[in-house]
Amino acid sequence: LEEIKSTPPQEQSQLNLTDNLSEKPSEEQAYASYRDAVRKKVQDAVHYYSDKYLYFDNPQEGKVFVSFIVQSNGTLREVLIQDNKSTHNELLRKIALVAIQHASPFDTFPAELNYDERAFNLDISFEIE
């Protein structure tokens, strides 16, 4: 059998590190995290519907700039397409609207977001690879 020698632990550093996990996130961090979750959910829905669009005759590329309001309970209140920033392709516009509607409801707002509702703006790009 090998002999196991115990060595004394190294002297601990005097540096005190704070555990960031125990600190509450700031409002800005909470909003950024929530916004990313909303964006991901919409993106997944857009991919689902746009994949089917590729099977249409003569699919086109374009961008749809969408503004929508989410209530604190995650309910979608309003969806608008910004006409001056969006394609005029009706099918792409419809896909963007349907995708946002199907992505909802979203998660409820985190406690750090003390709002009744928040507006979100997304630029949804449809590209053919």
Protein backbone atom coordinates (compact mmCIF):
# COMPACT_ATOMS: atom_id res chain seq x y z
CA LEU A 1 0.00 0.00 0.00
CA GLU A 2 1.10 3.51 -0.72
CA GLU A 3 1.50 5.86 2.13
CA ILE A 4 -0.78 8.89 1.92
CA LYS A 5 0.68 11.98 3.42
CA SER A 6 -1.49 14.81 4.49
CA THR A 7 -0.16 18.22 3.63
CA PRO A 8 -1.34 21.30 5.46
CA PRO A 9 -3.67 23.55 3.48
CA GLN A 10 -2.18 26.60 1.85
CA GLU A 11 -2.58 29.83 3.76
CA GLN A 12 -5.83 31.42 2.69
CA SER A 13 -5.74 34.68 0.83
CA GLN A 14 -6.95 37.81 2.56
CA LEU A 15 -8.99 38.73 -0.51
CA ASN A 16 -12.71 38.61 0.19
CA LEU A 17 -14.78 37.61 -2.81
CA THR A 18 -18.49 38.33 -2.89
CA ASP A 19 -20.86 35.76 -4.26
CA ASN A 20 -22.65 37.47 -7.16
CA LEU A 21 -25.32 34.79 -7.12
CA SER A 22 -26.63 36.00 -3.79
CA GLU A 23 -27.06 39.58 -4.99
CA LYS A 24 -30.37 40.55 -6.54
CA PRO A 25 -30.13 41.44 -10.21
CA SER A 26 -30.55 45.09 -11.06
CA GLU A 27 -33.53 46.30 -13.03
CA GLU A 28 -31.29 46.67 -16.09
CA GLN A 29 -30.01 43.09 -15.79
CA ALA A 30 -33.52 41.76 -15.22
CA TYR A 31 -34.82 43.62 -18.28
CA ALA A 32 -31.94 42.39 -20.46
CA SER A 33 -32.54 38.81 -19.38
CA TYR A 34 -36.30 39.08 -19.93
CA ARG A 35 -35.84 40.77 -23.33
CA ASP A 36 -33.49 37.96 -24.42
CA ALA A 37 -36.04 35.34 -23.34
CA VAL A 38 -38.80 37.10 -25.31
CA ARG A 39 -36.55 37.42 -28.34
CA LYS A 40 -35.63 33.71 -28.17
CA LYS A 41 -39.26 32.63 -27.91
CA VAL A 42 -40.25 34.81 -30.88
CA GLN A 43 -37.22 33.65 -32.87
CA ASP A 44 -38.17 30.00 -32.33
CA ALA A 45 -41.72 30.69 -33.55
CA VAL A 46 -40.44 32.66 -36.57
CA HIS A 47 -38.15 29.77 -37.53
CA TYR A 48 -41.03 27.32 -37.22
CA TYR A 49 -43.28 29.30 -39.57
CA SER A 50 -40.60 30.55 -41.96
CA ASP A 51 -39.33 27.00 -42.59
CA LYS A 52 -42.72 26.23 -44.13
CA TYR A 53 -42.54 29.44 -46.20
CA LEU A 54 -39.49 28.10 -48.03
CA TYR A 55 -41.71 25.47 -49.68
CA PHE A 56 -43.88 28.12 -51.33
CA ASP A 57 -43.32 29.03 -54.96
CA ASN A 58 -40.93 31.96 -55.30
CA PRO A 59 -40.18 32.71 -51.63
CA GLN A 60 -38.76 36.18 -51.07
CA GLU A 61 -36.44 37.80 -48.57
CA GLY A 62 -37.37 40.79 -46.47
CA LYS A 63 -37.48 42.40 -43.05
CA VAL A 64 -40.44 43.06 -40.82
CA PHE A 65 -40.01 45.54 -37.97
CA VAL A 66 -42.50 44.70 -35.24
CA SER A 67 -43.43 46.55 -32.06
CA PHE A 68 -45.46 44.80 -29.40
CA ILE A 69 -46.54 45.30 -25.82
CA VAL A 70 -46.29 42.62 -23.15
CA GLN A 71 -48.18 42.99 -19.89
CA SER A 72 -46.52 42.11 -16.58
CA ASN A 73 -48.37 38.77 -16.48
CA GLY A 74 -46.82 37.83 -19.86
CA THR A 75 -49.94 38.50 -21.92
CA LEU A 76 -49.47 40.00 -25.37
CA ARG A 77 -51.51 43.20 -25.53
CA GLU A 78 -50.76 44.74 -28.91
CA VAL A 79 -48.70 43.98 -32.03
CA LEU A 80 -47.91 46.54 -34.73
CA ILE A 81 -45.84 46.38 -37.90
CA GLN A 82 -43.83 49.51 -38.60
CA ASP A 83 -44.75 50.02 -42.28
CA ASN A 84 -41.94 52.44 -43.10
CA LYS A 85 -39.29 49.93 -41.91
CA SER A 86 -40.85 46.71 -43.23
CA THR A 87 -41.23 44.75 -46.43
CA HIS A 88 -44.53 45.03 -48.23
CA ASN A 89 -44.62 41.26 -48.76
CA GLU A 90 -47.92 40.32 -47.12
CA LEU A 91 -46.92 36.73 -46.43
CA LEU A 92 -43.74 37.71 -44.55
CA ARG A 93 -45.73 40.26 -42.57
CA LYS A 94 -48.32 37.60 -41.71
CA ILE A 95 -45.62 35.13 -40.62
CA ALA A 96 -44.11 37.76 -38.30
CA LEU A 97 -47.49 38.55 -36.71
CA VAL A 98 -48.52 34.91 -36.32
CA ALA A 99 -45.13 33.98 -34.87
CA ILE A 100 -45.37 36.66 -32.16
CA GLN A 101 -48.95 35.69 -31.35
CA HIS A 102 -47.98 32.02 -31.08
CA ALA A 103 -44.90 32.81 -28.98
CA SER A 104 -47.15 34.35 -26.35
CA PRO A 105 -47.91 34.20 -23.54
CA PHE A 106 -44.47 35.12 -22.32
CA ASP A 107 -43.11 34.63 -18.82
CA THR A 108 -44.33 36.99 -16.13
CA PHE A 109 -42.05 39.93 -15.43
CA PRO A 110 -39.38 39.33 -12.81
CA ALA A 111 -39.86 41.18 -9.52
CA GLU A 112 -37.17 43.71 -10.47
CA LEU A 113 -39.33 44.94 -13.38
CA ASN A 114 -41.95 46.95 -11.59
CA TYR A 115 -44.00 47.83 -14.68
CA ASP A 116 -47.54 47.10 -15.76
CA GLU A 117 -46.32 46.52 -19.32
CA ARG A 118 -43.26 46.95 -21.56
CA ALA A 119 -42.87 47.62 -25.27
CA PHE A 120 -40.53 45.52 -27.37
CA ASN A 121 -39.21 46.14 -30.86
CA LEU A 122 -37.89 43.36 -33.07
CA ASP A 123 -36.46 43.45 -36.56
CA ILE A 124 -37.37 40.07 -38.04
CA SER A 125 -35.25 39.21 -41.04
CA PHE A 126 -36.30 36.55 -43.56
CA GLU A 127 -33.37 35.27 -45.60
CA ILE A 128 -33.15 32.44 -48.10
CA GLU A 129 -29.98 30.41 -47.81
